[in-house]
Amino acid sequence: MTVGHVTARETARSAKAPQQAVNDPARRPDVLLRVRRAPGQEPSAWWFIGAFVAFSGAVTALLSFVPG
């Protein structure tokens, strides 16, 4: 084996090796508003779309009372 050359056997072995946890401060459990959910339990994107539409409608309705 030469330096800088990766064989197919090494690639297969590294693919099966467990990934080490990355020490990312944003992934700490005490980060504000982070909710850790089990895989497959993430909220649907439609909730965020609906919240955006509702908030935009509320802001538009409130701004209609502002004299122009």
PDB file of N, CA and C in Angstrom:
ATOM      1  N   MET A   1       0.846  -1.178   0.000  1.00  0.00           N
ATOM      2  CA  MET A   1       0.000   0.000   0.000  1.00  0.00           C
ATOM      3  C   MET A   1       0.891   1.242   0.000  1.00  0.00           C
ATOM      4  N   THR A   2       0.530   2.189  -0.823  1.00  0.00           N
ATOM      5  CA  THR A   2       1.282   3.437  -0.891  1.00  0.00           C
ATOM      6  C   THR A   2       0.518   4.530  -0.143  1.00  0.00           C
ATOM      7  N   VAL A   3       1.212   5.558   0.237  1.00  0.00           N
ATOM      8  CA  VAL A   3       0.581   6.667   0.953  1.00  0.00           C
ATOM      9  C   VAL A   3      -0.333   7.409  -0.019  1.00  0.00           C
ATOM     10  N   GLY A   4      -1.570   7.708   0.442  1.00  0.00           N
ATOM     11  CA  GLY A   4      -2.510   8.438  -0.398  1.00  0.00           C
ATOM     12  C   GLY A   4      -3.354   7.537  -1.279  1.00  0.00           C
ATOM     13  N   HIS A   5      -3.122   6.229  -1.222  1.00  0.00           N
ATOM     14  CA  HIS A   5      -3.890   5.303  -2.033  1.00  0.00           C
ATOM     15  C   HIS A   5      -4.773   4.467  -1.111  1.00  0.00           C
ATOM     16  N   VAL A   6      -6.062   4.393  -1.407  1.00  0.00           N
ATOM     17  CA  VAL A   6      -6.997   3.628  -0.589  1.00  0.00           C
ATOM     18  C   VAL A   6      -7.497   2.454  -1.415  1.00  0.00           C
ATOM     19  N   THR A   7      -7.347   1.263  -0.879  1.00  0.00           N
ATOM     20  CA  THR A   7      -7.790   0.077  -1.593  1.00  0.00           C
ATOM     21  C   THR A   7      -9.271  -0.164  -1.344  1.00  0.00           C
ATOM     22  N   ALA A   8      -9.877  -1.034  -2.139  1.00  0.00           N
ATOM     23  CA  ALA A   8     -11.288  -1.362  -1.982  1.00  0.00           C
ATOM     24  C   ALA A   8     -11.538  -2.031  -0.633  1.00  0.00           C
ATOM     25  N   ARG A   9     -10.588  -2.829  -0.170  1.00  0.00           N
ATOM     26  CA  ARG A   9     -10.745  -3.503   1.124  1.00  0.00           C
ATOM     27  C   ARG A   9     -10.782  -2.468   2.259  1.00  0.00           C
ATOM     28  N   GLU A  10      -9.916  -1.460   2.206  1.00  0.00           N
ATOM     29  CA  GLU A  10      -9.907  -0.425   3.233  1.00  0.00           C
ATOM     30  C   GLU A  10     -11.177   0.408   3.194  1.00  0.00           C
ATOM     31  N   THR A  11     -11.684   0.655   1.987  1.00  0.00           N
ATOM     32  CA  THR A  11     -12.915   1.418   1.855  1.00  0.00           C
ATOM     33  C   THR A  11     -14.075   0.652   2.469  1.00  0.00           C
ATOM     34  N   ALA A  12     -14.172  -0.635   2.197  1.00  0.00           N
ATOM     35  CA  ALA A  12     -15.246  -1.450   2.755  1.00  0.00           C
ATOM     36  C   ALA A  12     -15.118  -1.533   4.270  1.00  0.00           C
ATOM     37  N   ARG A  13     -13.908  -1.668   4.774  1.00  0.00           N
ATOM     38  CA  ARG A  13     -13.719  -1.763   6.212  1.00  0.00           C
ATOM     39  C   ARG A  13     -14.073  -0.440   6.891  1.00  0.00           C
ATOM     40  N   SER A  14     -13.704   0.694   6.293  1.00  0.00           N
ATOM     41  CA  SER A  14     -14.014   1.984   6.910  1.00  0.00           C
ATOM     42  C   SER A  14     -15.506   2.297   6.828  1.00  0.00           C
ATOM     43  N   ALA A  15     -16.195   1.767   5.822  1.00  0.00           N
ATOM     44  CA  ALA A  15     -17.629   2.001   5.708  1.00  0.00           C
ATOM     45  C   ALA A  15     -18.382   1.278   6.809  1.00  0.00           C
ATOM     46  N   LYS A  16     -17.856   0.159   7.286  1.00  0.00           N
ATOM     47  CA  LYS A  16     -18.516  -0.611   8.337  1.00  0.00           C
ATOM     48  C   LYS A  16     -18.128  -0.121   9.729  1.00  0.00           C
ATOM     49  N   ALA A  17     -17.085   0.669   9.831  1.00  0.00           N
ATOM     50  CA  ALA A  17     -16.628   1.149  11.125  1.00  0.00           C
ATOM     51  C   ALA A  17     -17.639   2.148  11.684  1.00  0.00           C
ATOM     52  N   PRO A  18     -17.910   2.112  12.989  1.00  0.00           N
ATOM     53  CA  PRO A  18     -18.864   3.069  13.562  1.00  0.00           C
ATOM     54  C   PRO A  18     -18.303   4.484  13.496  1.00  0.00           C
ATOM     55  N   GLN A  19     -19.209   5.409  13.235  1.00  0.00           N
ATOM     56  CA  GLN A  19     -18.815   6.805  13.143  1.00  0.00           C
ATOM     57  C   GLN A  19     -18.623   7.372  14.539  1.00  0.00           C
ATOM     58  N   GLN A  20     -17.572   8.127  14.733  1.00  0.00           N
ATOM     59  CA  GLN A  20     -17.351   8.748  16.019  1.00  0.00           C
ATOM     60  C   GLN A  20     -18.214  10.004  16.128  1.00  0.00           C
ATOM     61  N   ALA A  21     -18.666  10.258  17.344  1.00  0.00           N
ATOM     62  CA  ALA A  21     -19.504  11.428  17.572  1.00  0.00           C
ATOM     63  C   ALA A  21     -18.688  12.695  17.368  1.00  0.00           C
ATOM     64  N   VAL A  22     -19.294  13.638  16.682  1.00  0.00           N
ATOM     65  CA  VAL A  22     -18.636  14.915  16.433  1.00  0.00           C
ATOM     66  C   VAL A  22     -18.930  15.824  17.620  1.00  0.00           C
ATOM     67  N   ASN A  23     -17.935  16.476  18.127  1.00  0.00           N
ATOM     68  CA  ASN A  23     -18.098  17.360  19.266  1.00  0.00           C
ATOM     69  C   ASN A  23     -18.546  18.732  18.769  1.00  0.00           C
ATOM     70  N   ASP A  24     -19.812  18.842  18.433  1.00  0.00           N
ATOM     71  CA  ASP A  24     -20.384  20.071  17.903  1.00  0.00           C
ATOM     72  C   ASP A  24     -21.186  20.755  19.014  1.00  0.00           C
ATOM     73  N   PRO A  25     -20.841  21.984  19.390  1.00  0.00           N
ATOM     74  CA  PRO A  25     -21.571  22.644  20.479  1.00  0.00           C
ATOM     75  C   PRO A  25     -23.063  22.798  20.205  1.00  0.00           C
ATOM     76  N   ALA A  26     -23.457  22.883  18.943  1.00  0.00           N
ATOM     77  CA  ALA A  26     -24.875  23.039  18.620  1.00  0.00           C
ATOM     78  C   ALA A  26     -25.656  21.753  18.835  1.00  0.00           C
ATOM     79  N   ARG A  27     -24.981  20.625  19.013  1.00  0.00           N
ATOM     80  CA  ARG A  27     -25.672  19.346  19.207  1.00  0.00           C
ATOM     81  C   ARG A  27     -25.780  18.978  20.682  1.00  0.00           C
ATOM     82  N   ARG A  28     -25.339  19.879  21.586  1.00  0.00           N
ATOM     83  CA  ARG A  28     -25.432  19.585  23.012  1.00  0.00           C
ATOM     84  C   ARG A  28     -26.890  19.470  23.416  1.00  0.00           C
ATOM     85  N   PRO A  29     -27.210  18.635  24.400  1.00  0.00           N
ATOM     86  CA  PRO A  29     -28.606  18.471  24.808  1.00  0.00           C
ATOM     87  C   PRO A  29     -29.193  19.695  25.498  1.00  0.00           C
ATOM     88  N   ASP A  30     -28.358  20.621  25.967  1.00  0.00           N
ATOM     89  CA  ASP A  30     -28.884  21.775  26.683  1.00  0.00           C
ATOM     90  C   ASP A  30     -29.035  23.003  25.784  1.00  0.00           C
ATOM     91  N   VAL A  31     -28.937  22.839  24.484  1.00  0.00           N
ATOM     92  CA  VAL A  31     -29.108  23.969  23.574  1.00  0.00           C
ATOM     93  C   VAL A  31     -30.583  24.377  23.575  1.00  0.00           C
ATOM     94  N   LEU A  32     -30.820  25.682  23.678  1.00  0.00           N
ATOM     95  CA  LEU A  32     -32.179  26.202  23.774  1.00  0.00           C
ATOM     96  C   LEU A  32     -33.014  25.823  22.543  1.00  0.00           C
ATOM     97  N   LEU A  33     -34.216  25.350  22.773  1.00  0.00           N
ATOM     98  CA  LEU A  33     -35.222  25.015  21.758  1.00  0.00           C
ATOM     99  C   LEU A  33     -34.884  23.790  20.917  1.00  0.00           C
ATOM    100  N   ARG A  34     -33.854  23.041  21.254  1.00  0.00           N
ATOM    101  CA  ARG A  34     -33.568  21.823  20.493  1.00  0.00           C
ATOM    102  C   ARG A  34     -34.390  20.677  21.077  1.00  0.00           C
ATOM    103  N   VAL A  35     -35.127  20.012  20.216  1.00  0.00           N
ATOM    104  CA  VAL A  35     -35.917  18.870  20.631  1.00  0.00           C
ATOM    105  C   VAL A  35     -35.348  17.653  19.934  1.00  0.00           C
ATOM    106  N   ARG A  36     -34.910  16.693  20.711  1.00  0.00           N
ATOM    107  CA  ARG A  36     -34.377  15.464  20.126  1.00  0.00           C
ATOM    108  C   ARG A  36     -35.520  14.465  19.983  1.00  0.00           C
ATOM    109  N   ARG A  37     -35.750  14.055  18.764  1.00  0.00           N
ATOM    110  CA  ARG A  37     -36.812  13.098  18.491  1.00  0.00           C
ATOM    111  C   ARG A  37     -36.211  11.825  17.923  1.00  0.00           C
ATOM    112  N   ALA A  38     -36.939  10.742  18.096  1.00  0.00           N
ATOM    113  CA  ALA A  38     -36.504   9.470  17.541  1.00  0.00           C
ATOM    114  C   ALA A  38     -36.592   9.541  16.021  1.00  0.00           C
ATOM    115  N   PRO A  39     -35.776   8.769  15.323  1.00  0.00           N
ATOM    116  CA  PRO A  39     -35.857   8.762  13.854  1.00  0.00           C
ATOM    117  C   PRO A  39     -37.262   8.403  13.388  1.00  0.00           C
ATOM    118  N   GLY A  40     -37.754   9.145  12.428  1.00  0.00           N
ATOM    119  CA  GLY A  40     -39.091   8.915  11.902  1.00  0.00           C
ATOM    120  C   GLY A  40     -40.164   9.694  12.636  1.00  0.00           C
ATOM    121  N   GLN A  41     -39.820  10.424  13.691  1.00  0.00           N
ATOM    122  CA  GLN A  41     -40.795  11.186  14.473  1.00  0.00           C
ATOM    123  C   GLN A  41     -40.701  12.683  14.225  1.00  0.00           C
ATOM    124  N   GLU A  42     -40.010  13.078  13.173  1.00  0.00           N
ATOM    125  CA  GLU A  42     -39.877  14.489  12.857  1.00  0.00           C
ATOM    126  C   GLU A  42     -41.226  15.050  12.405  1.00  0.00           C
ATOM    127  N   PRO A  43     -41.489  16.332  12.676  1.00  0.00           N
ATOM    128  CA  PRO A  43     -42.757  16.924  12.246  1.00  0.00           C
ATOM    129  C   PRO A  43     -42.811  17.062  10.725  1.00  0.00           C
ATOM    130  N   SER A  44     -44.017  17.028  10.210  1.00  0.00           N
ATOM    131  CA  SER A  44     -44.216  17.186   8.769  1.00  0.00           C
ATOM    132  C   SER A  44     -43.878  18.614   8.353  1.00  0.00           C
ATOM    133  N   ALA A  45     -43.375  18.765   7.137  1.00  0.00           N
ATOM    134  CA  ALA A  45     -43.061  20.097   6.615  1.00  0.00           C
ATOM    135  C   ALA A  45     -44.323  20.939   6.467  1.00  0.00           C
ATOM    136  N   TRP A  46     -45.487  20.309   6.353  1.00  0.00           N
ATOM    137  CA  TRP A  46     -46.736  21.052   6.190  1.00  0.00           C
ATOM    138  C   TRP A  46     -47.073  21.870   7.429  1.00  0.00           C
ATOM    139  N   TRP A  47     -46.629  21.452   8.618  1.00  0.00           N
ATOM    140  CA  TRP A  47     -46.852  22.252   9.822  1.00  0.00           C
ATOM    141  C   TRP A  47     -46.140  23.597   9.707  1.00  0.00           C
ATOM    142  N   PHE A  48     -44.937  23.588   9.198  1.00  0.00           N
ATOM    143  CA  PHE A  48     -44.171  24.826   9.051  1.00  0.00           C
ATOM    144  C   PHE A  48     -44.766  25.705   7.962  1.00  0.00           C
ATOM    145  N   ILE A  49     -45.228  25.089   6.890  1.00  0.00           N
ATOM    146  CA  ILE A  49     -45.866  25.854   5.817  1.00  0.00           C
ATOM    147  C   ILE A  49     -47.159  26.492   6.320  1.00  0.00           C
ATOM    148  N   GLY A  50     -47.958  25.726   7.059  1.00  0.00           N
ATOM    149  CA  GLY A  50     -49.202  26.251   7.623  1.00  0.00           C
ATOM    150  C   GLY A  50     -48.953  27.360   8.619  1.00  0.00           C
ATOM    151  N   ALA A  51     -47.929  27.209   9.439  1.00  0.00           N
ATOM    152  CA  ALA A  51     -47.591  28.249  10.421  1.00  0.00           C
ATOM    153  C   ALA A  51     -47.168  29.531   9.710  1.00  0.00           C
ATOM    154  N   PHE A  52     -46.413  29.403   8.636  1.00  0.00           N
ATOM    155  CA  PHE A  52     -45.991  30.577   7.871  1.00  0.00           C
ATOM    156  C   PHE A  52     -47.198  31.286   7.268  1.00  0.00           C
ATOM    157  N   VAL A  53     -48.118  30.529   6.682  1.00  0.00           N
ATOM    158  CA  VAL A  53     -49.311  31.124   6.064  1.00  0.00           C
ATOM    159  C   VAL A  53     -50.177  31.802   7.128  1.00  0.00           C
ATOM    160  N   ALA A  54     -50.367  31.137   8.277  1.00  0.00           N
ATOM    161  CA  ALA A  54     -51.186  31.715   9.346  1.00  0.00           C
ATOM    162  C   ALA A  54     -50.548  32.982   9.904  1.00  0.00           C
ATOM    163  N   PHE A  55     -49.243  32.954  10.131  1.00  0.00           N
ATOM    164  CA  PHE A  55     -48.551  34.137  10.654  1.00  0.00           C
ATOM    165  C   PHE A  55     -48.602  35.280   9.652  1.00  0.00           C
ATOM    166  N   SER A  56     -48.396  34.979   8.381  1.00  0.00           N
ATOM    167  CA  SER A  56     -48.455  36.024   7.354  1.00  0.00           C
ATOM    168  C   SER A  56     -49.850  36.628   7.275  1.00  0.00           C
ATOM    169  N   GLY A  57     -50.864  35.789   7.379  1.00  0.00           N
ATOM    170  CA  GLY A  57     -52.240  36.288   7.361  1.00  0.00           C
ATOM    171  C   GLY A  57     -52.538  37.164   8.559  1.00  0.00           C
ATOM    172  N   ALA A  58     -52.043  36.763   9.734  1.00  0.00           N
ATOM    173  CA  ALA A  58     -52.267  37.563  10.943  1.00  0.00           C
ATOM    174  C   ALA A  58     -51.568  38.912  10.840  1.00  0.00           C
ATOM    175  N   VAL A  59     -50.346  38.938  10.340  1.00  0.00           N
ATOM    176  CA  VAL A  59     -49.622  40.201  10.185  1.00  0.00           C
ATOM    177  C   VAL A  59     -50.327  41.093   9.176  1.00  0.00           C
ATOM    178  N   THR A  60     -50.770  40.532   8.073  1.00  0.00           N
ATOM    179  CA  THR A  60     -51.498  41.305   7.071  1.00  0.00           C
ATOM    180  C   THR A  60     -52.793  41.879   7.638  1.00  0.00           C
ATOM    181  N   ALA A  61     -53.523  41.058   8.408  1.00  0.00           N
ATOM    182  CA  ALA A  61     -54.768  41.537   9.015  1.00  0.00           C
ATOM    183  C   ALA A  61     -54.497  42.657  10.011  1.00  0.00           C
ATOM    184  N   LEU A  62     -53.463  42.522  10.815  1.00  0.00           N
ATOM    185  CA  LEU A  62     -53.142  43.570  11.786  1.00  0.00           C
ATOM    186  C   LEU A  62     -52.672  44.852  11.102  1.00  0.00           C
ATOM    187  N   LEU A  63     -51.914  44.710  10.023  1.00  0.00           N
ATOM    188  CA  LEU A  63     -51.427  45.891   9.324  1.00  0.00           C
ATOM    189  C   LEU A  63     -52.550  46.616   8.582  1.00  0.00           C
ATOM    190  N   SER A  64     -53.658  45.933   8.335  1.00  0.00           N
ATOM    191  CA  SER A  64     -54.782  46.606   7.660  1.00  0.00           C
ATOM    192  C   SER A  64     -55.412  47.641   8.575  1.00  0.00           C
ATOM    193  N   PHE A  65     -55.193  47.567   9.884  1.00  0.00           N
ATOM    194  CA  PHE A  65     -55.723  48.555  10.813  1.00  0.00           C
ATOM    195  C   PHE A  65     -54.841  49.789  10.937  1.00  0.00           C
ATOM    196  N   VAL A  66     -53.653  49.746  10.382  1.00  0.00           N
ATOM    197  CA  VAL A  66     -52.734  50.878  10.443  1.00  0.00           C
ATOM    198  C   VAL A  66     -53.154  51.876   9.353  1.00  0.00           C
ATOM    199  N   PRO A  67     -53.422  53.133   9.753  1.00  0.00           N
ATOM    200  CA  PRO A  67     -53.817  54.110   8.722  1.00  0.00           C
ATOM    201  C   PRO A  67     -52.660  54.423   7.790  1.00  0.00           C
ATOM    202  N   GLY A  68     -52.958  54.572   6.544  1.00  0.00           N
ATOM    203  CA  GLY A  68     -51.917  54.791   5.552  1.00  0.00           C
ATOM    204  C   GLY A  68     -51.975  56.118   5.010  1.00  0.00           C
TER     205      GLY A  68
END
